[in-house]
Protein backbone atom coordinates (compact mmCIF):
# COMPACT_ATOMS: atom_id res chain seq x y z
CA UNK A 1 -6.21 19.32 0.89
CA UNK A 2 -7.98 15.81 0.66
CA UNK A 3 -6.11 13.06 2.43
CA UNK A 4 -4.15 9.70 1.38
CA UNK A 5 -7.40 7.97 1.71
CA UNK A 6 -9.77 10.26 -0.18
CA UNK A 7 -7.15 10.36 -2.97
CA UNK A 8 -8.21 6.48 -3.75
CA UNK A 9 -5.38 4.77 -1.64
CA UNK A 10 -6.60 1.34 0.04
CA UNK A 11 -6.86 1.77 4.23
CA UNK A 12 -3.33 0.00 4.14
CA UNK A 13 -1.61 1.63 2.74
CA UNK A 14 -2.71 4.47 4.07
CA UNK A 15 -1.95 3.19 8.05
CA UNK A 16 1.18 2.65 7.12
CA UNK A 17 1.91 5.23 5.34
CA UNK A 18 0.49 6.91 8.86
CA UNK A 19 2.60 4.82 10.90
CA UNK A 20 6.80 6.48 9.43
CA UNK A 21 4.58 9.87 9.72
CA UNK A 22 3.45 10.63 5.73
CA UNK A 23 -0.26 11.74 7.11
CA UNK A 24 -1.69 14.80 4.74
CA UNK A 25 -0.25 14.36 0.47
CA UNK A 26 1.92 17.01 -0.69
CA UNK A 27 0.14 18.78 -3.66
CA UNK A 28 1.62 16.62 -5.92
CA UNK A 29 0.61 13.64 -4.95
CA UNK A 30 -2.97 15.28 -5.08
CA UNK A 31 -2.85 15.50 -8.15
CA UNK A 32 -0.55 12.61 -9.74
CA UNK A 33 -1.45 9.62 -7.24
CA UNK A 34 -5.76 9.32 -8.42
CA UNK A 35 -4.56 9.05 -12.35
CA UNK A 36 -2.02 6.60 -12.08
CA UNK A 37 -4.96 4.75 -9.51
CA UNK A 38 -6.96 4.93 -12.34
CA UNK A 39 -3.67 3.30 -14.62
CA UNK A 40 -2.97 6.70 -16.67
CA UNK A 41 -0.18 7.17 -18.71
CA UNK A 42 1.48 9.68 -16.79
CA UNK A 43 4.58 12.41 -17.92
CA UNK A 44 5.24 14.62 -14.08
CA UNK A 45 8.23 17.07 -12.95
CA UNK A 46 8.66 19.26 -10.25
CA UNK A 47 11.11 20.28 -7.94
CA UNK A 48 13.16 17.61 -5.95
CA UNK A 49 11.47 17.10 -2.47
CA UNK A 50 8.59 17.66 -4.11
CA UNK A 51 6.92 14.19 -3.63
CA UNK A 52 6.29 12.45 -6.95
CA UNK A 53 8.82 8.91 -5.79
CA UNK A 54 5.97 8.28 -3.57
CA UNK A 55 2.90 9.46 -4.98
CA UNK A 56 4.22 6.45 -7.88
CA UNK A 57 5.68 4.37 -5.47
CA UNK A 58 1.58 4.24 -3.91
CA UNK A 59 0.01 4.23 -6.79
CA UNK A 60 2.27 0.83 -8.10
CA UNK A 61 1.29 -0.66 -4.10
CA UNK A 62 -2.21 -0.84 -4.70
CA UNK A 63 -1.64 -2.32 -8.16
CA UNK A 64 1.01 -5.22 -7.34
CA UNK A 65 -0.47 -5.73 -3.80
CA UNK A 66 -3.42 -5.21 -3.70
CA UNK A 67 -5.54 -7.01 -1.53
CA UNK A 68 -3.93 -10.47 -1.15
CA UNK A 69 -1.30 -8.39 -0.27
CA UNK A 70 -2.12 -6.45 2.86
CA UNK A 71 0.37 -7.79 5.37
CA UNK A 72 3.35 -8.16 3.33
CA UNK A 73 3.50 -4.36 3.32
CA UNK A 74 4.93 -4.47 7.44
CA UNK A 75 6.50 -7.77 7.17
CA UNK A 76 3.10 -9.30 9.24
CA UNK A 77 2.88 -12.15 6.73
CA UNK A 78 3.60 -13.56 2.99
CA UNK A 79 2.57 -12.03 -0.37
CA UNK A 80 0.35 -15.35 -2.01
CA UNK A 81 -0.31 -12.90 -4.90
CA UNK A 82 2.58 -11.47 -6.11
CA UNK A 83 3.02 -14.13 -8.13
CA UNK A 84 0.36 -13.61 -10.28
CA UNK A 85 0.63 -9.48 -10.53
CA UNK A 86 3.82 -9.99 -11.95
């Protein structure tokens, strides 16, 4: 099993995930996250509770916030780049 960092998740997001108890990705997350980070169009089905929503959310946050808003993920600042991403 790979870690979130090994899947290509930015260290700031990995740190935030660890802070709320998500240390190891679930199987579905291992499959979705790398593809979503590559901006691939995805259609995926899996059982409720398998981790789909978190997988898509991680990729979404990585694309929206990038390096410009790392502190905003933890409520420690503003997000100057958000208007550029919208």
